[in-house]
Amino acid sequence: METFEAIFKVLVIGLVLGAGLPALFAIGLRLYAAGSGDVNADGSTSTSNPALRAVGIALFVLIAAVIVVGILWITRTTINYHFGVNLFPFAPVK
């Protein structure tokens, strides 16, 4: 039964990070583009929406933070070994 639980955990994390982060990036890109001013076909310009741009930037920052935390998680034992810094105190030190 432990094997099925492990497979299920890997499947869920894979879906969240493998499909969820690119989906959040696409949503952020769409919101950022919708919040920017645009030039219409007749040459007039439409006003920008700063709230949509801020939400798009917030999603970009969230995705960047997840990537940085993931890299730090992968390298946590090396950082702890060389610098003596335990970045994730809740995680067991190897």
PDB file of N, CA and C in Angstrom:
ATOM      1  N   MET A   1       0.813  -1.186   0.000  1.00  0.00           N
ATOM      2  CA  MET A   1       0.000   0.000   0.000  1.00  0.00           C
ATOM      3  C   MET A   1       0.865   1.263   0.000  1.00  0.00           C
ATOM      4  N   GLU A   2       2.053   1.190   0.586  1.00  0.00           N
ATOM      5  CA  GLU A   2       2.947   2.346   0.598  1.00  0.00           C
ATOM      6  C   GLU A   2       3.367   2.731  -0.813  1.00  0.00           C
ATOM      7  N   THR A   3       3.493   1.753  -1.671  1.00  0.00           N
ATOM      8  CA  THR A   3       3.895   2.029  -3.042  1.00  0.00           C
ATOM      9  C   THR A   3       2.844   2.870  -3.761  1.00  0.00           C
ATOM     10  N   PHE A   4       1.572   2.526  -3.572  1.00  0.00           N
ATOM     11  CA  PHE A   4       0.511   3.291  -4.223  1.00  0.00           C
ATOM     12  C   PHE A   4       0.417   4.706  -3.673  1.00  0.00           C
ATOM     13  N   GLU A   5       0.647   4.864  -2.380  1.00  0.00           N
ATOM     14  CA  GLU A   5       0.641   6.202  -1.785  1.00  0.00           C
ATOM     15  C   GLU A   5       1.786   7.040  -2.351  1.00  0.00           C
ATOM     16  N   ALA A   6       2.951   6.429  -2.504  1.00  0.00           N
ATOM     17  CA  ALA A   6       4.101   7.142  -3.058  1.00  0.00           C
ATOM     18  C   ALA A   6       3.845   7.525  -4.514  1.00  0.00           C
ATOM     19  N   ILE A   7       3.274   6.614  -5.280  1.00  0.00           N
ATOM     20  CA  ILE A   7       2.956   6.912  -6.677  1.00  0.00           C
ATOM     21  C   ILE A   7       1.944   8.041  -6.756  1.00  0.00           C
ATOM     22  N   PHE A   8       0.944   8.024  -5.884  1.00  0.00           N
ATOM     23  CA  PHE A   8      -0.071   9.069  -5.877  1.00  0.00           C
ATOM     24  C   PHE A   8       0.536  10.423  -5.521  1.00  0.00           C
ATOM     25  N   LYS A   9       1.436  10.455  -4.542  1.00  0.00           N
ATOM     26  CA  LYS A   9       2.092  11.711  -4.173  1.00  0.00           C
ATOM     27  C   LYS A   9       2.923  12.270  -5.324  1.00  0.00           C
ATOM     28  N   VAL A  10       3.657  11.415  -5.991  1.00  0.00           N
ATOM     29  CA  VAL A  10       4.468  11.854  -7.126  1.00  0.00           C
ATOM     30  C   VAL A  10       3.576  12.343  -8.255  1.00  0.00           C
ATOM     31  N   LEU A  11       2.469  11.668  -8.486  1.00  0.00           N
ATOM     32  CA  LEU A  11       1.535  12.081  -9.525  1.00  0.00           C
ATOM     33  C   LEU A  11       0.946  13.461  -9.223  1.00  0.00           C
ATOM     34  N   VAL A  12       0.538  13.685  -7.989  1.00  0.00           N
ATOM     35  CA  VAL A  12      -0.069  14.968  -7.621  1.00  0.00           C
ATOM     36  C   VAL A  12       0.952  16.093  -7.725  1.00  0.00           C
ATOM     37  N   ILE A  13       2.142  15.888  -7.177  1.00  0.00           N
ATOM     38  CA  ILE A  13       3.179  16.926  -7.251  1.00  0.00           C
ATOM     39  C   ILE A  13       3.581  17.172  -8.702  1.00  0.00           C
ATOM     40  N   GLY A  14       3.661  16.120  -9.494  1.00  0.00           N
ATOM     41  CA  GLY A  14       3.992  16.280 -10.903  1.00  0.00           C
ATOM     42  C   GLY A  14       2.943  17.083 -11.652  1.00  0.00           C
ATOM     43  N   LEU A  15       1.684  16.845 -11.340  1.00  0.00           N
ATOM     44  CA  LEU A  15       0.617  17.619 -11.989  1.00  0.00           C
ATOM     45  C   LEU A  15       0.638  19.073 -11.543  1.00  0.00           C
ATOM     46  N   VAL A  16       0.848  19.296 -10.251  1.00  0.00           N
ATOM     47  CA  VAL A  16       0.850  20.670  -9.744  1.00  0.00           C
ATOM     48  C   VAL A  16       2.024  21.455 -10.314  1.00  0.00           C
ATOM     49  N   LEU A  17       3.212  20.886 -10.232  1.00  0.00           N
ATOM     50  CA  LEU A  17       4.392  21.607 -10.701  1.00  0.00           C
ATOM     51  C   LEU A  17       4.585  21.494 -12.209  1.00  0.00           C
ATOM     52  N   GLY A  18       4.234  20.370 -12.774  1.00  0.00           N
ATOM     53  CA  GLY A  18       4.456  20.162 -14.197  1.00  0.00           C
ATOM     54  C   GLY A  18       3.421  20.824 -15.077  1.00  0.00           C
ATOM     55  N   ALA A  19       2.191  20.909 -14.610  1.00  0.00           N
ATOM     56  CA  ALA A  19       1.142  21.553 -15.399  1.00  0.00           C
ATOM     57  C   ALA A  19       0.647  22.832 -14.743  1.00  0.00           C
ATOM     58  N   GLY A  20       0.714  22.896 -13.442  1.00  0.00           N
ATOM     59  CA  GLY A  20       0.192  24.052 -12.722  1.00  0.00           C
ATOM     60  C   GLY A  20       1.030  25.298 -12.889  1.00  0.00           C
ATOM     61  N   LEU A  21       2.344  25.175 -12.767  1.00  0.00           N
ATOM     62  CA  LEU A  21       3.206  26.356 -12.918  1.00  0.00           C
ATOM     63  C   LEU A  21       3.177  26.930 -14.335  1.00  0.00           C
ATOM     64  N   PRO A  22       3.241  26.115 -15.371  1.00  0.00           N
ATOM     65  CA  PRO A  22       3.092  26.703 -16.712  1.00  0.00           C
ATOM     66  C   PRO A  22       1.717  27.333 -16.925  1.00  0.00           C
ATOM     67  N   ALA A  23       0.680  26.755 -16.327  1.00  0.00           N
ATOM     68  CA  ALA A  23      -0.651  27.351 -16.444  1.00  0.00           C
ATOM     69  C   ALA A  23      -0.696  28.702 -15.728  1.00  0.00           C
ATOM     70  N   LEU A  24      -0.097  28.789 -14.542  1.00  0.00           N
ATOM     71  CA  LEU A  24      -0.031  30.071 -13.839  1.00  0.00           C
ATOM     72  C   LEU A  24       0.774  31.097 -14.628  1.00  0.00           C
ATOM     73  N   PHE A  25       1.855  30.647 -15.259  1.00  0.00           N
ATOM     74  CA  PHE A  25       2.641  31.549 -16.092  1.00  0.00           C
ATOM     75  C   PHE A  25       1.808  32.081 -17.257  1.00  0.00           C
ATOM     76  N   ALA A  26       1.052  31.196 -17.892  1.00  0.00           N
ATOM     77  CA  ALA A  26       0.209  31.616 -19.012  1.00  0.00           C
ATOM     78  C   ALA A  26      -0.871  32.592 -18.554  1.00  0.00           C
ATOM     79  N   ILE A  27      -1.457  32.339 -17.394  1.00  0.00           N
ATOM     80  CA  ILE A  27      -2.463  33.256 -16.859  1.00  0.00           C
ATOM     81  C   ILE A  27      -1.823  34.603 -16.540  1.00  0.00           C
ATOM     82  N   GLY A  28      -0.646  34.574 -15.929  1.00  0.00           N
ATOM     83  CA  GLY A  28       0.057  35.821 -15.624  1.00  0.00           C
ATOM     84  C   GLY A  28       0.418  36.593 -16.870  1.00  0.00           C
ATOM     85  N   LEU A  29       0.854  35.899 -17.895  1.00  0.00           N
ATOM     86  CA  LEU A  29       1.192  36.554 -19.157  1.00  0.00           C
ATOM     87  C   LEU A  29      -0.042  37.182 -19.797  1.00  0.00           C
ATOM     88  N   ARG A  30      -1.147  36.460 -19.743  1.00  0.00           N
ATOM     89  CA  ARG A  30      -2.400  36.976 -20.305  1.00  0.00           C
ATOM     90  C   ARG A  30      -2.889  38.207 -19.524  1.00  0.00           C
ATOM     91  N   LEU A  31      -2.819  38.151 -18.186  1.00  0.00           N
ATOM     92  CA  LEU A  31      -3.245  39.290 -17.380  1.00  0.00           C
ATOM     93  C   LEU A  31      -2.337  40.491 -17.585  1.00  0.00           C
ATOM     94  N   TYR A  32      -1.038  40.244 -17.681  1.00  0.00           N
ATOM     95  CA  TYR A  32      -0.102  41.341 -17.907  1.00  0.00           C
ATOM     96  C   TYR A  32      -0.358  42.004 -19.264  1.00  0.00           C
ATOM     97  N   ALA A  33      -0.602  41.185 -20.277  1.00  0.00           N
ATOM     98  CA  ALA A  33      -0.872  41.730 -21.610  1.00  0.00           C
ATOM     99  C   ALA A  33      -2.207  42.478 -21.639  1.00  0.00           C
ATOM    100  N   ALA A  34      -3.205  41.944 -20.929  1.00  0.00           N
ATOM    101  CA  ALA A  34      -4.506  42.612 -20.900  1.00  0.00           C
ATOM    102  C   ALA A  34      -4.429  43.927 -20.128  1.00  0.00           C
ATOM    103  N   GLY A  35      -3.515  44.012 -19.171  1.00  0.00           N
ATOM    104  CA  GLY A  35      -3.372  45.234 -18.398  1.00  0.00           C
ATOM    105  C   GLY A  35      -2.558  46.302 -19.079  1.00  0.00           C
ATOM    106  N   SER A  36      -1.809  45.938 -20.075  1.00  0.00           N
ATOM    107  CA  SER A  36      -1.010  46.921 -20.811  1.00  0.00           C
ATOM    108  C   SER A  36      -1.893  47.679 -21.789  1.00  0.00           C
ATOM    109  N   GLY A  37      -1.502  48.904 -22.056  1.00  0.00           N
ATOM    110  CA  GLY A  37      -2.223  49.678 -23.062  1.00  0.00           C
ATOM    111  C   GLY A  37      -2.014  49.062 -24.432  1.00  0.00           C
ATOM    112  N   ASP A  38      -2.939  49.299 -25.324  1.00  0.00           N
ATOM    113  CA  ASP A  38      -2.870  48.685 -26.640  1.00  0.00           C
ATOM    114  C   ASP A  38      -3.192  49.726 -27.700  1.00  0.00           C
ATOM    115  N   VAL A  39      -2.692  49.491 -28.884  1.00  0.00           N
ATOM    116  CA  VAL A  39      -3.004  50.351 -30.021  1.00  0.00           C
ATOM    117  C   VAL A  39      -4.081  49.655 -30.832  1.00  0.00           C
ATOM    118  N   ASN A  40      -5.189  50.335 -31.031  1.00  0.00           N
ATOM    119  CA  ASN A  40      -6.302  49.764 -31.779  1.00  0.00           C
ATOM    120  C   ASN A  40      -6.033  49.840 -33.278  1.00  0.00           C
ATOM    121  N   ALA A  41      -6.889  49.225 -34.060  1.00  0.00           N
ATOM    122  CA  ALA A  41      -6.715  49.181 -35.510  1.00  0.00           C
ATOM    123  C   ALA A  41      -6.807  50.568 -36.147  1.00  0.00           C
ATOM    124  N   ASP A  42      -7.579  51.467 -35.532  1.00  0.00           N
ATOM    125  CA  ASP A  42      -7.717  52.806 -36.106  1.00  0.00           C
ATOM    126  C   ASP A  42      -6.625  53.769 -35.650  1.00  0.00           C
ATOM    127  N   GLY A  43      -5.670  53.279 -34.874  1.00  0.00           N
ATOM    128  CA  GLY A  43      -4.549  54.096 -34.435  1.00  0.00           C
ATOM    129  C   GLY A  43      -4.738  54.721 -33.069  1.00  0.00           C
ATOM    130  N   SER A  44      -5.919  54.589 -32.490  1.00  0.00           N
ATOM    131  CA  SER A  44      -6.140  55.117 -31.141  1.00  0.00           C
ATOM    132  C   SER A  44      -5.557  54.152 -30.110  1.00  0.00           C
ATOM    133  N   THR A  45      -5.289  54.681 -28.945  1.00  0.00           N
ATOM    134  CA  THR A  45      -4.719  53.853 -27.885  1.00  0.00           C
ATOM    135  C   THR A  45      -5.734  53.664 -26.778  1.00  0.00           C
ATOM    136  N   SER A  46      -5.726  52.479 -26.190  1.00  0.00           N
ATOM    137  CA  SER A  46      -6.592  52.215 -25.051  1.00  0.00           C
ATOM    138  C   SER A  46      -5.765  52.354 -23.776  1.00  0.00           C
ATOM    139  N   THR A  47      -6.410  52.716 -22.704  1.00  0.00           N
ATOM    140  CA  THR A  47      -5.701  52.933 -21.446  1.00  0.00           C
ATOM    141  C   THR A  47      -5.303  51.602 -20.824  1.00  0.00           C
ATOM    142  N   SER A  48      -4.275  51.646 -20.032  1.00  0.00           N
ATOM    143  CA  SER A  48      -3.806  50.434 -19.374  1.00  0.00           C
ATOM    144  C   SER A  48      -4.560  50.236 -18.062  1.00  0.00           C
ATOM    145  N   ASN A  49      -4.548  49.008 -17.593  1.00  0.00           N
ATOM    146  CA  ASN A  49      -5.174  48.662 -16.323  1.00  0.00           C
ATOM    147  C   ASN A  49      -4.069  48.211 -15.376  1.00  0.00           C
ATOM    148  N   PRO A  50      -3.660  49.073 -14.437  1.00  0.00           N
ATOM    149  CA  PRO A  50      -2.546  48.718 -13.562  1.00  0.00           C
ATOM    150  C   PRO A  50      -2.836  47.539 -12.643  1.00  0.00           C
ATOM    151  N   ALA A  51      -4.101  47.305 -12.312  1.00  0.00           N
ATOM    152  CA  ALA A  51      -4.431  46.184 -11.432  1.00  0.00           C
ATOM    153  C   ALA A  51      -4.137  44.845 -12.120  1.00  0.00           C
ATOM    154  N   LEU A  52      -4.502  44.738 -13.384  1.00  0.00           N
ATOM    155  CA  LEU A  52      -4.222  43.492 -14.108  1.00  0.00           C
ATOM    156  C   LEU A  52      -2.719  43.283 -14.276  1.00  0.00           C
ATOM    157  N   ARG A  53      -2.009  44.362 -14.544  1.00  0.00           N
ATOM    158  CA  ARG A  53      -0.542  44.241 -14.667  1.00  0.00           C
ATOM    159  C   ARG A  53       0.069  43.812 -13.344  1.00  0.00           C
ATOM    160  N   ALA A  54      -0.437  44.336 -12.232  1.00  0.00           N
ATOM    161  CA  ALA A  54       0.102  43.977 -10.912  1.00  0.00           C
ATOM    162  C   ALA A  54      -0.163  42.510 -10.599  1.00  0.00           C
ATOM    163  N   VAL A  55      -1.332  42.016 -10.952  1.00  0.00           N
ATOM    164  CA  VAL A  55      -1.632  40.595 -10.728  1.00  0.00           C
ATOM    165  C   VAL A  55      -0.731  39.724 -11.595  1.00  0.00           C
ATOM    166  N   GLY A  56      -0.508  40.133 -12.835  1.00  0.00           N
ATOM    167  CA  GLY A  56       0.395  39.381 -13.708  1.00  0.00           C
ATOM    168  C   GLY A  56       1.814  39.347 -13.158  1.00  0.00           C
ATOM    169  N   ILE A  57       2.292  40.487 -12.675  1.00  0.00           N
ATOM    170  CA  ILE A  57       3.640  40.538 -12.093  1.00  0.00           C
ATOM    171  C   ILE A  57       3.703  39.698 -10.827  1.00  0.00           C
ATOM    172  N   ALA A  58       2.640  39.723 -10.020  1.00  0.00           N
ATOM    173  CA  ALA A  58       2.607  38.909  -8.798  1.00  0.00           C
ATOM    174  C   ALA A  58       2.696  37.419  -9.126  1.00  0.00           C
ATOM    175  N   LEU A  59       2.037  37.001 -10.190  1.00  0.00           N
ATOM    176  CA  LEU A  59       2.139  35.598 -10.594  1.00  0.00           C
ATOM    177  C   LEU A  59       3.547  35.259 -11.075  1.00  0.00           C
ATOM    178  N   PHE A  60       4.190  36.182 -11.795  1.00  0.00           N
ATOM    179  CA  PHE A  60       5.571  35.951 -12.213  1.00  0.00           C
ATOM    180  C   PHE A  60       6.501  35.822 -11.013  1.00  0.00           C
ATOM    181  N   VAL A  61       6.299  36.669 -10.007  1.00  0.00           N
ATOM    182  CA  VAL A  61       7.125  36.614  -8.792  1.00  0.00           C
ATOM    183  C   VAL A  61       6.886  35.296  -8.061  1.00  0.00           C
ATOM    184  N   LEU A  62       5.633  34.858  -7.985  1.00  0.00           N
ATOM    185  CA  LEU A  62       5.320  33.580  -7.333  1.00  0.00           C
ATOM    186  C   LEU A  62       6.028  32.425  -8.036  1.00  0.00           C
ATOM    187  N   ILE A  63       5.984  32.405  -9.352  1.00  0.00           N
ATOM    188  CA  ILE A  63       6.634  31.330 -10.113  1.00  0.00           C
ATOM    189  C   ILE A  63       8.146  31.374  -9.927  1.00  0.00           C
ATOM    190  N   ALA A  64       8.725  32.566  -9.930  1.00  0.00           N
ATOM    191  CA  ALA A  64      10.171  32.690  -9.703  1.00  0.00           C
ATOM    192  C   ALA A  64      10.536  32.208  -8.306  1.00  0.00           C
ATOM    193  N   ALA A  65       9.702  32.514  -7.314  1.00  0.00           N
ATOM    194  CA  ALA A  65       9.974  32.065  -5.944  1.00  0.00           C
ATOM    195  C   ALA A  65       9.904  30.542  -5.847  1.00  0.00           C
ATOM    196  N   VAL A  66       8.941  29.929  -6.511  1.00  0.00           N
ATOM    197  CA  VAL A  66       8.842  28.464  -6.499  1.00  0.00           C
ATOM    198  C   VAL A  66      10.077  27.844  -7.148  1.00  0.00           C
ATOM    199  N   ILE A  67      10.563  28.433  -8.223  1.00  0.00           N
ATOM    200  CA  ILE A  67      11.756  27.910  -8.891  1.00  0.00           C
ATOM    201  C   ILE A  67      12.979  28.040  -7.990  1.00  0.00           C
ATOM    202  N   VAL A  68      13.136  29.195  -7.342  1.00  0.00           N
ATOM    203  CA  VAL A  68      14.291  29.398  -6.447  1.00  0.00           C
ATOM    204  C   VAL A  68      14.228  28.437  -5.265  1.00  0.00           C
ATOM    205  N   VAL A  69      13.046  28.268  -4.665  1.00  0.00           N
ATOM    206  CA  VAL A  69      12.910  27.339  -3.537  1.00  0.00           C
ATOM    207  C   VAL A  69      13.198  25.913  -3.998  1.00  0.00           C
ATOM    208  N   GLY A  70      12.774  25.556  -5.197  1.00  0.00           N
ATOM    209  CA  GLY A  70      13.065  24.223  -5.718  1.00  0.00           C
ATOM    210  C   GLY A  70      14.560  23.989  -5.902  1.00  0.00           C
ATOM    211  N   ILE A  71      15.254  24.978  -6.417  1.00  0.00           N
ATOM    212  CA  ILE A  71      16.707  24.846  -6.586  1.00  0.00           C
ATOM    213  C   ILE A  71      17.392  24.757  -5.230  1.00  0.00           C
ATOM    214  N   LEU A  72      16.952  25.577  -4.278  1.00  0.00           N
ATOM    215  CA  LEU A  72      17.537  25.511  -2.937  1.00  0.00           C
ATOM    216  C   LEU A  72      17.230  24.184  -2.259  1.00  0.00           C
ATOM    217  N   TRP A  73      16.040  23.635  -2.506  1.00  0.00           N
ATOM    218  CA  TRP A  73      15.699  22.338  -1.925  1.00  0.00           C
ATOM    219  C   TRP A  73      16.600  21.234  -2.488  1.00  0.00           C
ATOM    220  N   ILE A  74      16.858  21.289  -3.775  1.00  0.00           N
ATOM    221  CA  ILE A  74      17.710  20.278  -4.390  1.00  0.00           C
ATOM    222  C   ILE A  74      19.141  20.377  -3.862  1.00  0.00           C
ATOM    223  N   THR A  75      19.624  21.584  -3.632  1.00  0.00           N
ATOM    224  CA  THR A  75      21.012  21.785  -3.207  1.00  0.00           C
ATOM    225  C   THR A  75      21.159  21.986  -1.701  1.00  0.00           C
ATOM    226  N   ARG A  76      20.140  21.656  -0.912  1.00  0.00           N
ATOM    227  CA  ARG A  76      20.168  21.941   0.533  1.00  0.00           C
ATOM    228  C   ARG A  76      21.295  21.223   1.263  1.00  0.00           C
ATOM    229  N   THR A  77      21.591  19.976   0.912  1.00  0.00           N
ATOM    230  CA  THR A  77      22.647  19.270   1.624  1.00  0.00           C
ATOM    231  C   THR A  77      24.026  19.820   1.259  1.00  0.00           C
ATOM    232  N   THR A  78      24.209  20.229   0.011  1.00  0.00           N
ATOM    233  CA  THR A  78      25.483  20.814  -0.385  1.00  0.00           C
ATOM    234  C   THR A  78      25.699  22.153   0.304  1.00  0.00           C
ATOM    235  N   ILE A  79      24.659  22.969   0.373  1.00  0.00           N
ATOM    236  CA  ILE A  79      24.760  24.263   1.057  1.00  0.00           C
ATOM    237  C   ILE A  79      25.042  24.051   2.535  1.00  0.00           C
ATOM    238  N   ASN A  80      24.374  23.079   3.141  1.00  0.00           N
ATOM    239  CA  ASN A  80      24.613  22.793   4.554  1.00  0.00           C
ATOM    240  C   ASN A  80      26.027  22.266   4.783  1.00  0.00           C
ATOM    241  N   TYR A  81      26.522  21.456   3.879  1.00  0.00           N
ATOM    242  CA  TYR A  81      27.861  20.886   4.035  1.00  0.00           C
ATOM    243  C   TYR A  81      28.941  21.959   3.905  1.00  0.00           C
ATOM    244  N   HIS A  82      28.840  22.804   2.886  1.00  0.00           N
ATOM    245  CA  HIS A  82      29.895  23.777   2.617  1.00  0.00           C
ATOM    246  C   HIS A  82      29.798  25.034   3.472  1.00  0.00           C
ATOM    247  N   PHE A  83      28.595  25.472   3.774  1.00  0.00           N
ATOM    248  CA  PHE A  83      28.433  26.746   4.466  1.00  0.00           C
ATOM    249  C   PHE A  83      27.864  26.609   5.872  1.00  0.00           C
ATOM    250  N   GLY A  84      27.384  25.436   6.227  1.00  0.00           N
ATOM    251  CA  GLY A  84      26.818  25.228   7.555  1.00  0.00           C
ATOM    252  C   GLY A  84      25.479  25.916   7.761  1.00  0.00           C
ATOM    253  N   VAL A  85      24.767  26.169   6.678  1.00  0.00           N
ATOM    254  CA  VAL A  85      23.473  26.849   6.751  1.00  0.00           C
ATOM    255  C   VAL A  85      22.381  25.833   6.434  1.00  0.00           C
ATOM    256  N   ASN A  86      21.461  25.657   7.377  1.00  0.00           N
ATOM    257  CA  ASN A  86      20.334  24.751   7.151  1.00  0.00           C
ATOM    258  C   ASN A  86      19.146  25.599   6.703  1.00  0.00           C
ATOM    259  N   LEU A  87      18.908  25.643   5.396  1.00  0.00           N
ATOM    260  CA  LEU A  87      17.858  26.484   4.835  1.00  0.00           C
ATOM    261  C   LEU A  87      16.459  25.980   5.156  1.00  0.00           C
ATOM    262  N   PHE A  88      16.318  24.690   5.337  1.00  0.00           N
ATOM    263  CA  PHE A  88      15.031  24.082   5.629  1.00  0.00           C
ATOM    264  C   PHE A  88      15.152  23.314   6.942  1.00  0.00           C
ATOM    265  N   PRO A  89      14.957  23.991   8.068  1.00  0.00           N
ATOM    266  CA  PRO A  89      15.172  23.316   9.360  1.00  0.00           C
ATOM    267  C   PRO A  89      14.186  22.192   9.640  1.00  0.00           C
ATOM    268  N   PHE A  90      13.058  22.162   8.956  1.00  0.00           N
ATOM    269  CA  PHE A  90      12.075  21.104   9.177  1.00  0.00           C
ATOM    270  C   PHE A  90      12.448  19.836   8.436  1.00  0.00           C
ATOM    271  N   ALA A  91      13.332  19.925   7.477  1.00  0.00           N
ATOM    272  CA  ALA A  91      13.744  18.769   6.695  1.00  0.00           C
ATOM    273  C   ALA A  91      14.934  18.087   7.364  1.00  0.00           C
ATOM    274  N   PRO A  92      14.979  16.773   7.300  1.00  0.00           N
ATOM    275  CA  PRO A  92      16.112  16.080   7.910  1.00  0.00           C
ATOM    276  C   PRO A  92      17.419  16.372   7.169  1.00  0.00           C
ATOM    277  N   VAL A  93      18.484  16.524   7.922  1.00  0.00           N
ATOM    278  CA  VAL A  93      19.796  16.770   7.344  1.00  0.00           C
ATOM    279  C   VAL A  93      20.451  15.441   7.061  1.00  0.00           C
ATOM    280  N   LYS A  94      20.952  15.278   5.860  1.00  0.00           N
ATOM    281  CA  LYS A  94      21.589  14.011   5.472  1.00  0.00           C
ATOM    282  C   LYS A  94      23.052  14.051   5.787  1.00  0.00           C
TER     283      LYS A  94
END
